[in-house]
Amino acid sequence: MFFKHWPVLLVDDEPDVLTISRLAMKHFDVYGLPLKIYTAASKAEAIDLMNDNVEVGCSLAVAFLDVVMETDTAGLELCDYIRNDMGNKLTQIFIRTGQPGLAPEREVIDKYDINGYFSKVEATEDKLYSLVKSSVRQYLSYGMALATIDLSNNLMAAGASRRKILYALSPVGIISPEQADTPRWLIVDDQVLFSDEVDADEAVRLLEQFRNQDGIPLDPAGDRYVRNEDGYQLIQVARTPARSEAMFLFKSPFSPPDIVINLMHSFVKQLGIAWHHSKEED
């Protein structure tokens, strides 16, 4: 949700392939955000890049891997490294090869956890455009689904302790300095959580602006989604006898797709329910 661009990795030992692919993808965007393209000329160089660069190591959306580089199976070994050594099941990985006979498509798909396989002859600009668009969408949706499940599980594990709930919410509510241009706030029953860490006055000011602004209904209970022209967005869960009023207020450089809005709505509802049934500890 807080991406400024989509990291994409191209790995190929042919400089011309890297150059042509870069040019083809130069003006691609997904949800209005550009790609940030990283390149490597070998399996070893790619591994070093993923270990040394936090963005590539932790937030890589899509990777296109050549098969034959240092060895006839270097790209497949790199795929195995990403999936198993790094434990990265989220990045969308595509294998492309100039020598399909060395790595038959069905065998590769059956053995390796990849999202697609194609020859370099098939790698037209339209093909790359289609793969990048669909892959980033899948990456975002899958990543948000996993994050929502983790947060929901942590909220359930917190039980009736608000202290434990706050601890479970800290990855969402406390932002690092490099995230200052994508602020976010959690508000429950008019209380801005983590107020020592965030600008609570700014949250109050923005909520006042949102109060009378039309939004998209999320369910019959009065929950809604609102976005203003400055990129600030609000997921609001109404108070009911079974839950507290809860809100997630955030700024993002793009409007999330419906599936992501629904996932965030689910999380905020879980927060409202958990908070309603919890209490302060002595």
C-alpha atoms as a PDB file:
ATOM      1  CA  MET A   1       0.000   0.000   0.000  1.00  0.00           C
ATOM      2  CA  PHE A   2       2.875   2.347   0.644  1.00  0.00           C
ATOM      3  CA  PHE A   3       4.954   1.641  -2.463  1.00  0.00           C
ATOM      4  CA  LYS A   4       6.301   4.581  -4.460  1.00  0.00           C
ATOM      5  CA  HIS A   5       7.307   2.284  -7.330  1.00  0.00           C
ATOM      6  CA  TRP A   6       7.326  -1.456  -8.100  1.00  0.00           C
ATOM      7  CA  PRO A   7      10.755  -3.152  -7.840  1.00  0.00           C
ATOM      8  CA  VAL A   8      11.448  -5.488 -10.776  1.00  0.00           C
ATOM      9  CA  LEU A   9      14.564  -7.644 -11.238  1.00  0.00           C
ATOM     10  CA  LEU A  10      15.970  -8.708 -14.619  1.00  0.00           C
ATOM     11  CA  VAL A  11      18.683 -11.373 -14.574  1.00  0.00           C
ATOM     12  CA  ASP A  12      20.410 -12.291 -17.840  1.00  0.00           C
ATOM     13  CA  ASP A  13      24.001 -12.708 -18.979  1.00  0.00           C
ATOM     14  CA  GLU A  14      23.299 -11.058 -22.343  1.00  0.00           C
ATOM     15  CA  PRO A  15      23.735  -7.262 -22.043  1.00  0.00           C
ATOM     16  CA  ASP A  16      21.547  -6.659 -25.108  1.00  0.00           C
ATOM     17  CA  VAL A  17      18.642  -8.545 -23.510  1.00  0.00           C
ATOM     18  CA  LEU A  18      18.896  -6.449 -20.366  1.00  0.00           C
ATOM     19  CA  THR A  19      19.078  -3.227 -22.371  1.00  0.00           C
ATOM     20  CA  ILE A  20      16.114  -4.096 -24.605  1.00  0.00           C
ATOM     21  CA  SER A  21      14.033  -5.243 -21.632  1.00  0.00           C
ATOM     22  CA  ARG A  22      14.798  -2.038 -19.731  1.00  0.00           C
ATOM     23  CA  LEU A  23      13.747   0.061 -22.708  1.00  0.00           C
ATOM     24  CA  ALA A  24      10.577  -1.948 -23.222  1.00  0.00           C
ATOM     25  CA  MET A  25       9.556  -1.531 -19.570  1.00  0.00           C
ATOM     26  CA  LYS A  26      10.703   2.069 -19.210  1.00  0.00           C
ATOM     27  CA  HIS A  27       7.233   3.567 -19.356  1.00  0.00           C
ATOM     28  CA  PHE A  28       5.226   0.730 -17.786  1.00  0.00           C
ATOM     29  CA  ASP A  29       3.158   1.615 -14.727  1.00  0.00           C
ATOM     30  CA  VAL A  30       0.752  -0.249 -12.474  1.00  0.00           C
ATOM     31  CA  TYR A  31      -1.893   1.620 -10.479  1.00  0.00           C
ATOM     32  CA  GLY A  32      -0.185   4.783 -11.694  1.00  0.00           C
ATOM     33  CA  LEU A  33       3.193   3.911 -10.154  1.00  0.00           C
ATOM     34  CA  PRO A  34       6.343   3.322 -12.268  1.00  0.00           C
ATOM     35  CA  LEU A  35       8.647   0.337 -12.179  1.00  0.00           C
ATOM     36  CA  LYS A  36      12.093   0.512 -10.594  1.00  0.00           C
ATOM     37  CA  ILE A  37      14.209  -1.903 -12.588  1.00  0.00           C
ATOM     38  CA  TYR A  38      17.235  -3.675 -11.152  1.00  0.00           C
ATOM     39  CA  THR A  39      19.524  -5.859 -13.267  1.00  0.00           C
ATOM     40  CA  ALA A  40      22.081  -8.590 -12.693  1.00  0.00           C
ATOM     41  CA  ALA A  41      24.210 -10.505 -15.188  1.00  0.00           C
ATOM     42  CA  SER A  42      24.529 -13.775 -13.261  1.00  0.00           C
ATOM     43  CA  LYS A  43      23.060 -15.876 -10.500  1.00  0.00           C
ATOM     44  CA  ALA A  44      25.870 -14.813  -8.146  1.00  0.00           C
ATOM     45  CA  GLU A  45      25.376 -11.114  -8.916  1.00  0.00           C
ATOM     46  CA  ALA A  46      21.631 -11.431  -8.347  1.00  0.00           C
ATOM     47  CA  ILE A  47      22.138 -13.137  -4.975  1.00  0.00           C
ATOM     48  CA  ASP A  48      24.560 -10.411  -3.888  1.00  0.00           C
ATOM     49  CA  LEU A  49      22.051  -7.759  -4.951  1.00  0.00           C
ATOM     50  CA  MET A  50      19.220  -9.374  -3.004  1.00  0.00           C
ATOM     51  CA  ASN A  51      21.398  -9.715   0.103  1.00  0.00           C
ATOM     52  CA  ASP A  52      22.826  -6.187  -0.068  1.00  0.00           C
ATOM     53  CA  ASN A  53      19.802  -4.176  -1.203  1.00  0.00           C
ATOM     54  CA  VAL A  54      16.907  -4.150   1.267  1.00  0.00           C
ATOM     55  CA  GLU A  55      14.316  -3.210  -1.352  1.00  0.00           C
ATOM     56  CA  VAL A  56      15.303  -6.046  -3.689  1.00  0.00           C
ATOM     57  CA  GLY A  57      15.636  -8.487  -0.818  1.00  0.00           C
ATOM     58  CA  CYS A  58      12.337  -7.645   0.898  1.00  0.00           C
ATOM     59  CA  SER A  59       9.992  -5.909  -1.555  1.00  0.00           C
ATOM     60  CA  LEU A  60      10.690  -7.406  -4.962  1.00  0.00           C
ATOM     61  CA  ALA A  61       7.446  -7.553  -6.951  1.00  0.00           C
ATOM     62  CA  VAL A  62       8.547  -9.368 -10.129  1.00  0.00           C
ATOM     63  CA  ALA A  63      11.680 -11.198 -11.330  1.00  0.00           C
ATOM     64  CA  PHE A  64      12.546 -12.334 -14.847  1.00  0.00           C
ATOM     65  CA  LEU A  65      15.302 -14.951 -14.751  1.00  0.00           C
ATOM     66  CA  ASP A  66      17.329 -16.337 -17.636  1.00  0.00           C
ATOM     67  CA  VAL A  67      18.012 -20.073 -17.353  1.00  0.00           C
ATOM     68  CA  VAL A  68      21.479 -20.438 -18.881  1.00  0.00           C
ATOM     69  CA  MET A  69      24.083 -18.140 -17.325  1.00  0.00           C
ATOM     70  CA  GLU A  70      27.137 -19.328 -15.350  1.00  0.00           C
ATOM     71  CA  THR A  71      25.776 -22.848 -15.811  1.00  0.00           C
ATOM     72  CA  ASP A  72      22.988 -24.449 -17.819  1.00  0.00           C
ATOM     73  CA  THR A  73      20.671 -24.275 -14.794  1.00  0.00           C
ATOM     74  CA  ALA A  74      21.809 -21.077 -13.030  1.00  0.00           C
ATOM     75  CA  GLY A  75      18.409 -19.380 -13.393  1.00  0.00           C
ATOM     76  CA  LEU A  76      16.575 -22.370 -11.963  1.00  0.00           C
ATOM     77  CA  GLU A  77      19.023 -22.499  -9.060  1.00  0.00           C
ATOM     78  CA  LEU A  78      18.383 -18.785  -8.485  1.00  0.00           C
ATOM     79  CA  CYS A  79      14.652 -19.439  -8.399  1.00  0.00           C
ATOM     80  CA  ASP A  80      15.236 -22.172  -5.814  1.00  0.00           C
ATOM     81  CA  TYR A  81      17.388 -19.775  -3.775  1.00  0.00           C
ATOM     82  CA  ILE A  82      14.671 -17.096  -3.764  1.00  0.00           C
ATOM     83  CA  ARG A  83      11.883 -19.499  -2.842  1.00  0.00           C
ATOM     84  CA  ASN A  84      13.655 -21.790  -0.391  1.00  0.00           C
ATOM     85  CA  ASP A  85      16.843 -20.171   0.955  1.00  0.00           C
ATOM     86  CA  MET A  86      15.244 -16.725   1.270  1.00  0.00           C
ATOM     87  CA  GLY A  87      11.777 -18.080   2.052  1.00  0.00           C
ATOM     88  CA  ASN A  88      10.283 -15.638  -0.469  1.00  0.00           C
ATOM     89  CA  LYS A  89       6.975 -17.040  -1.744  1.00  0.00           C
ATOM     90  CA  LEU A  90       5.569 -13.655  -2.718  1.00  0.00           C
ATOM     91  CA  THR A  91       7.720 -12.355  -5.599  1.00  0.00           C
ATOM     92  CA  GLN A  92       6.262 -13.278  -8.987  1.00  0.00           C
ATOM     93  CA  ILE A  93       8.995 -15.208 -10.806  1.00  0.00           C
ATOM     94  CA  PHE A  94       9.162 -15.813 -14.557  1.00  0.00           C
ATOM     95  CA  ILE A  95      11.700 -18.015 -16.283  1.00  0.00           C
ATOM     96  CA  ARG A  96      12.710 -17.003 -19.798  1.00  0.00           C
ATOM     97  CA  THR A  97      15.199 -18.851 -21.919  1.00  0.00           C
ATOM     98  CA  GLY A  98      16.861 -18.727 -25.304  1.00  0.00           C
ATOM     99  CA  GLN A  99      17.371 -22.512 -25.231  1.00  0.00           C
ATOM    100  CA  PRO A 100      14.040 -24.141 -24.300  1.00  0.00           C
ATOM    101  CA  GLY A 101      15.385 -27.647 -24.880  1.00  0.00           C
ATOM    102  CA  LEU A 102      17.742 -27.375 -21.908  1.00  0.00           C
ATOM    103  CA  ALA A 103      14.852 -26.661 -19.536  1.00  0.00           C
ATOM    104  CA  PRO A 104      11.563 -28.084 -20.891  1.00  0.00           C
ATOM    105  CA  GLU A 105       8.560 -25.972 -19.871  1.00  0.00           C
ATOM    106  CA  ARG A 106       6.459 -28.657 -18.177  1.00  0.00           C
ATOM    107  CA  GLU A 107       9.413 -30.017 -16.233  1.00  0.00           C
ATOM    108  CA  VAL A 108      10.353 -26.551 -14.985  1.00  0.00           C
ATOM    109  CA  ILE A 109       6.785 -25.655 -14.015  1.00  0.00           C
ATOM    110  CA  ASP A 110       6.318 -28.969 -12.200  1.00  0.00           C
ATOM    111  CA  LYS A 111       9.594 -28.744 -10.276  1.00  0.00           C
ATOM    112  CA  TYR A 112       9.984 -25.036  -9.506  1.00  0.00           C
ATOM    113  CA  ASP A 113       7.612 -22.599  -7.851  1.00  0.00           C
ATOM    114  CA  ILE A 114       7.397 -20.158 -10.760  1.00  0.00           C
ATOM    115  CA  ASN A 115       4.583 -18.028 -12.140  1.00  0.00           C
ATOM    116  CA  GLY A 116       5.399 -18.455 -15.813  1.00  0.00           C
ATOM    117  CA  TYR A 117       7.830 -19.688 -18.449  1.00  0.00           C
ATOM    118  CA  PHE A 118       8.500 -18.304 -21.926  1.00  0.00           C
ATOM    119  CA  SER A 119      11.219 -18.148 -24.560  1.00  0.00           C
ATOM    120  CA  LYS A 120      13.133 -14.986 -25.347  1.00  0.00           C
ATOM    121  CA  VAL A 121      11.589 -15.012 -28.808  1.00  0.00           C
ATOM    122  CA  GLU A 122       8.189 -14.580 -27.128  1.00  0.00           C
ATOM    123  CA  ALA A 123       9.403 -11.688 -24.964  1.00  0.00           C
ATOM    124  CA  THR A 124       7.752  -8.912 -26.948  1.00  0.00           C
ATOM    125  CA  GLU A 125       6.946  -5.567 -25.378  1.00  0.00           C
ATOM    126  CA  ASP A 126       3.253  -6.488 -25.272  1.00  0.00           C
ATOM    127  CA  LYS A 127       4.070  -9.798 -23.576  1.00  0.00           C
ATOM    128  CA  LEU A 128       6.215  -8.083 -20.941  1.00  0.00           C
ATOM    129  CA  TYR A 129       3.531  -5.437 -20.417  1.00  0.00           C
ATOM    130  CA  SER A 130       0.876  -8.075 -19.797  1.00  0.00           C
ATOM    131  CA  LEU A 131       3.082 -10.078 -17.418  1.00  0.00           C
ATOM    132  CA  VAL A 132       4.200  -7.047 -15.416  1.00  0.00           C
ATOM    133  CA  LYS A 133       0.665  -5.683 -15.029  1.00  0.00           C
ATOM    134  CA  SER A 134      -0.874  -8.975 -13.927  1.00  0.00           C
ATOM    135  CA  SER A 135       2.092  -9.909 -11.730  1.00  0.00           C
ATOM    136  CA  VAL A 136       2.198  -6.671  -9.748  1.00  0.00           C
ATOM    137  CA  ARG A 137      -1.548  -6.904  -9.168  1.00  0.00           C
ATOM    138  CA  GLN A 138      -1.119 -10.468  -7.915  1.00  0.00           C
ATOM    139  CA  TYR A 139       1.878  -9.500  -5.781  1.00  0.00           C
ATOM    140  CA  LEU A 140      -0.041  -6.659  -4.104  1.00  0.00           C
ATOM    141  CA  SER A 141      -3.207  -8.682  -3.490  1.00  0.00           C
ATOM    142  CA  TYR A 142      -1.365 -11.740  -2.190  1.00  0.00           C
ATOM    143  CA  GLY A 143       0.905  -9.649   0.013  1.00  0.00           C
ATOM    144  CA  MET A 144      -2.026  -7.745   1.522  1.00  0.00           C
ATOM    145  CA  ALA A 145      -3.890 -11.001   2.127  1.00  0.00           C
ATOM    146  CA  LEU A 146      -0.937 -12.480   4.015  1.00  0.00           C
ATOM    147  CA  ALA A 147      -0.474  -9.280   6.041  1.00  0.00           C
ATOM    148  CA  THR A 148      -4.178  -9.210   6.934  1.00  0.00           C
ATOM    149  CA  ILE A 149      -4.116 -12.834   8.077  1.00  0.00           C
ATOM    150  CA  ASP A 150      -1.047 -12.168  10.245  1.00  0.00           C
ATOM    151  CA  LEU A 151      -2.608  -9.079  11.854  1.00  0.00           C
ATOM    152  CA  SER A 152      -5.904 -10.877  12.463  1.00  0.00           C
ATOM    153  CA  ASN A 153      -4.116 -13.808  14.077  1.00  0.00           C
ATOM    154  CA  ASN A 154      -2.113 -11.439  16.283  1.00  0.00           C
ATOM    155  CA  LEU A 155      -5.257  -9.584  17.334  1.00  0.00           C
ATOM    156  CA  MET A 156      -6.902 -12.870  18.289  1.00  0.00           C
ATOM    157  CA  ALA A 157      -3.817 -13.940  20.233  1.00  0.00           C
ATOM    158  CA  ALA A 158      -3.851 -10.640  22.151  1.00  0.00           C
ATOM    159  CA  GLY A 159      -7.073 -11.693  23.858  1.00  0.00           C
ATOM    160  CA  ALA A 160      -8.638  -9.043  26.097  1.00  0.00           C
ATOM    161  CA  SER A 161      -5.405  -7.122  26.709  1.00  0.00           C
ATOM    162  CA  ARG A 162      -5.187  -3.678  25.102  1.00  0.00           C
ATOM    163  CA  ARG A 163      -1.473  -3.604  25.790  1.00  0.00           C
ATOM    164  CA  LYS A 164      -1.067  -6.771  23.712  1.00  0.00           C
ATOM    165  CA  ILE A 165      -3.358  -5.376  21.022  1.00  0.00           C
ATOM    166  CA  LEU A 166      -1.159  -2.300  20.727  1.00  0.00           C
ATOM    167  CA  TYR A 167       1.908  -4.501  20.456  1.00  0.00           C
ATOM    168  CA  ALA A 168       0.224  -6.521  17.693  1.00  0.00           C
ATOM    169  CA  LEU A 169      -0.606  -3.298  15.845  1.00  0.00           C
ATOM    170  CA  SER A 170       2.835  -1.713  16.112  1.00  0.00           C
ATOM    171  CA  PRO A 171       3.938  -2.726  12.574  1.00  0.00           C
ATOM    172  CA  VAL A 172       0.994  -0.701  11.247  1.00  0.00           C
ATOM    173  CA  GLY A 173       0.824   2.176  13.700  1.00  0.00           C
ATOM    174  CA  ILE A 174       4.494   3.074  14.102  1.00  0.00           C
ATOM    175  CA  ILE A 175       6.221   4.334  10.958  1.00  0.00           C
ATOM    176  CA  SER A 176       9.896   4.773  10.225  1.00  0.00           C
ATOM    177  CA  PRO A 177      11.429   8.109   9.134  1.00  0.00           C
ATOM    178  CA  GLU A 178      11.696   6.955   5.512  1.00  0.00           C
ATOM    179  CA  GLN A 179       7.920   6.438   5.500  1.00  0.00           C
ATOM    180  CA  ALA A 180       7.204  10.033   6.544  1.00  0.00           C
ATOM    181  CA  ASP A 181       5.584  10.876   3.205  1.00  0.00           C
ATOM    182  CA  THR A 182       3.104   8.000   3.558  1.00  0.00           C
ATOM    183  CA  PRO A 183       1.769   8.582   7.097  1.00  0.00           C
ATOM    184  CA  ARG A 184      -0.918   6.396   8.674  1.00  0.00           C
ATOM    185  CA  TRP A 185      -3.024   6.428  11.805  1.00  0.00           C
ATOM    186  CA  LEU A 186      -5.191   3.975  13.698  1.00  0.00           C
ATOM    187  CA  ILE A 187      -8.097   5.558  15.580  1.00  0.00           C
ATOM    188  CA  VAL A 188     -10.433   3.696  17.936  1.00  0.00           C
ATOM    189  CA  ASP A 189     -13.345   5.388  19.740  1.00  0.00           C
ATOM    190  CA  ASP A 190     -11.850   8.810  18.868  1.00  0.00           C
ATOM    191  CA  GLN A 191      -8.496   7.815  20.386  1.00  0.00           C
ATOM    192  CA  VAL A 192      -5.462   8.080  18.094  1.00  0.00           C
ATOM    193  CA  LEU A 193      -3.321   5.053  18.863  1.00  0.00           C
ATOM    194  CA  PHE A 194       0.463   5.457  19.111  1.00  0.00           C
ATOM    195  CA  SER A 195      -0.045   9.196  19.619  1.00  0.00           C
ATOM    196  CA  ASP A 196       3.526   9.510  20.938  1.00  0.00           C
ATOM    197  CA  GLU A 197       4.800   8.189  17.600  1.00  0.00           C
ATOM    198  CA  VAL A 198       2.517   9.965  15.123  1.00  0.00           C
ATOM    199  CA  ASP A 199       1.076  13.454  14.637  1.00  0.00           C
ATOM    200  CA  ALA A 200      -2.284  12.986  16.334  1.00  0.00           C
ATOM    201  CA  ASP A 201      -3.349  16.589  15.640  1.00  0.00           C
ATOM    202  CA  GLU A 202      -2.944  15.990  11.904  1.00  0.00           C
ATOM    203  CA  ALA A 203      -5.163  12.907  12.149  1.00  0.00           C
ATOM    204  CA  VAL A 204      -7.870  14.931  13.916  1.00  0.00           C
ATOM    205  CA  ARG A 205      -7.661  17.661  11.251  1.00  0.00           C
ATOM    206  CA  LEU A 206      -7.988  15.156   8.425  1.00  0.00           C
ATOM    207  CA  LEU A 207     -10.881  13.344  10.073  1.00  0.00           C
ATOM    208  CA  GLU A 208     -12.759  16.626  10.321  1.00  0.00           C
ATOM    209  CA  GLN A 209     -12.323  17.058   6.563  1.00  0.00           C
ATOM    210  CA  PHE A 210     -13.546  13.528   5.912  1.00  0.00           C
ATOM    211  CA  ARG A 211     -16.551  13.826   8.223  1.00  0.00           C
ATOM    212  CA  ASN A 212     -18.956  15.232   5.632  1.00  0.00           C
ATOM    213  CA  GLN A 213     -17.266  13.849   2.541  1.00  0.00           C
ATOM    214  CA  ASP A 214     -19.123  11.244   0.505  1.00  0.00           C
ATOM    215  CA  GLY A 215     -17.544   7.830   0.507  1.00  0.00           C
ATOM    216  CA  ILE A 216     -18.055   4.320  -0.828  1.00  0.00           C
ATOM    217  CA  PRO A 217     -20.258   2.155   1.447  1.00  0.00           C
ATOM    218  CA  LEU A 218     -18.542  -1.035   2.581  1.00  0.00           C
ATOM    219  CA  ASP A 219     -21.447  -2.671   4.368  1.00  0.00           C
ATOM    220  CA  PRO A 220     -24.992  -1.884   5.640  1.00  0.00           C
ATOM    221  CA  ALA A 221     -23.731  -1.079   9.161  1.00  0.00           C
ATOM    222  CA  GLY A 222     -22.329   2.257   7.921  1.00  0.00           C
ATOM    223  CA  ASP A 223     -18.723   1.308   7.183  1.00  0.00           C
ATOM    224  CA  ARG A 224     -17.175   3.337   4.364  1.00  0.00           C
ATOM    225  CA  TYR A 225     -14.086   4.089   2.290  1.00  0.00           C
ATOM    226  CA  VAL A 226     -13.156   7.689   1.453  1.00  0.00           C
ATOM    227  CA  ARG A 227     -10.281   9.188  -0.544  1.00  0.00           C
ATOM    228  CA  ASN A 228      -9.491  12.884  -0.954  1.00  0.00           C
ATOM    229  CA  GLU A 229      -7.628  14.650  -3.751  1.00  0.00           C
ATOM    230  CA  ASP A 230      -4.377  14.730  -1.738  1.00  0.00           C
ATOM    231  CA  GLY A 231      -4.131  10.940  -1.566  1.00  0.00           C
ATOM    232  CA  TYR A 232      -5.354  10.581   2.031  1.00  0.00           C
ATOM    233  CA  GLN A 233      -7.678   7.635   2.461  1.00  0.00           C
ATOM    234  CA  LEU A 234      -9.965   6.445   5.215  1.00  0.00           C
ATOM    235  CA  ILE A 235     -11.401   3.043   6.073  1.00  0.00           C
ATOM    236  CA  GLN A 236     -14.074   3.694   8.711  1.00  0.00           C
ATOM    237  CA  VAL A 237     -15.881   0.985  10.669  1.00  0.00           C
ATOM    238  CA  ALA A 238     -19.009   2.199  12.453  1.00  0.00           C
ATOM    239  CA  ARG A 239     -19.739   1.546  16.108  1.00  0.00           C
ATOM    240  CA  THR A 240     -22.221  -1.248  16.856  1.00  0.00           C
ATOM    241  CA  PRO A 241     -23.209  -3.037  20.079  1.00  0.00           C
ATOM    242  CA  ALA A 242     -20.554  -5.653  19.281  1.00  0.00           C
ATOM    243  CA  ARG A 243     -17.624  -3.436  18.291  1.00  0.00           C
ATOM    244  CA  SER A 244     -15.945  -0.075  18.766  1.00  0.00           C
ATOM    245  CA  GLU A 245     -15.720   2.549  16.060  1.00  0.00           C
ATOM    246  CA  ALA A 246     -12.379   1.985  14.332  1.00  0.00           C
ATOM    247  CA  MET A 247     -10.587   3.806  11.529  1.00  0.00           C
ATOM    248  CA  PHE A 248      -7.493   3.388   9.419  1.00  0.00           C
ATOM    249  CA  LEU A 249      -6.388   6.729   8.003  1.00  0.00           C
ATOM    250  CA  PHE A 250      -3.446   6.707   5.621  1.00  0.00           C
ATOM    251  CA  LYS A 251      -1.797   8.382   2.654  1.00  0.00           C
ATOM    252  CA  SER A 252      -0.885   6.381  -0.420  1.00  0.00           C
ATOM    253  CA  PRO A 253       0.358   7.469  -3.852  1.00  0.00           C
ATOM    254  CA  PHE A 254      -2.274   5.266  -5.535  1.00  0.00           C
ATOM    255  CA  SER A 255      -5.871   4.163  -5.090  1.00  0.00           C
ATOM    256  CA  PRO A 256      -5.929   0.518  -4.015  1.00  0.00           C
ATOM    257  CA  PRO A 257      -8.032  -1.993  -5.970  1.00  0.00           C
ATOM    258  CA  ASP A 258     -11.288  -3.258  -4.482  1.00  0.00           C
ATOM    259  CA  ILE A 259      -9.750  -6.473  -3.167  1.00  0.00           C
ATOM    260  CA  VAL A 260      -7.189  -4.518  -1.122  1.00  0.00           C
ATOM    261  CA  ILE A 261      -9.860  -2.141   0.231  1.00  0.00           C
ATOM    262  CA  ASN A 262     -11.902  -5.174   1.287  1.00  0.00           C
ATOM    263  CA  LEU A 263      -8.882  -6.720   3.017  1.00  0.00           C
ATOM    264  CA  MET A 264      -8.156  -3.487   4.912  1.00  0.00           C
ATOM    265  CA  HIS A 265     -11.824  -3.225   5.844  1.00  0.00           C
ATOM    266  CA  SER A 266     -11.677  -6.753   7.262  1.00  0.00           C
ATOM    267  CA  PHE A 267      -8.643  -5.818   9.367  1.00  0.00           C
ATOM    268  CA  VAL A 268     -10.258  -2.632  10.733  1.00  0.00           C
ATOM    269  CA  LYS A 269     -13.410  -4.575  11.659  1.00  0.00           C
ATOM    270  CA  GLN A 270     -11.255  -7.080  13.537  1.00  0.00           C
ATOM    271  CA  LEU A 271      -9.642  -4.180  15.387  1.00  0.00           C
ATOM    272  CA  GLY A 272     -13.023  -2.702  16.333  1.00  0.00           C
ATOM    273  CA  ILE A 273     -14.212  -6.050  17.700  1.00  0.00           C
ATOM    274  CA  ALA A 274     -10.980  -6.793  19.568  1.00  0.00           C
ATOM    275  CA  TRP A 275     -10.870  -3.329  21.143  1.00  0.00           C
ATOM    276  CA  HIS A 276     -14.529  -3.515  22.216  1.00  0.00           C
ATOM    277  CA  HIS A 277     -13.914  -6.764  24.092  1.00  0.00           C
ATOM    278  CA  SER A 278     -10.616  -5.720  25.659  1.00  0.00           C
ATOM    279  CA  LYS A 279      -9.680  -3.620  28.656  1.00  0.00           C
ATOM    280  CA  GLU A 280      -6.796  -1.620  30.050  1.00  0.00           C
ATOM    281  CA  GLU A 281      -4.439  -3.570  32.288  1.00  0.00           C
ATOM    282  CA  ASP A 282      -3.272  -2.324  35.675  1.00  0.00           C
END
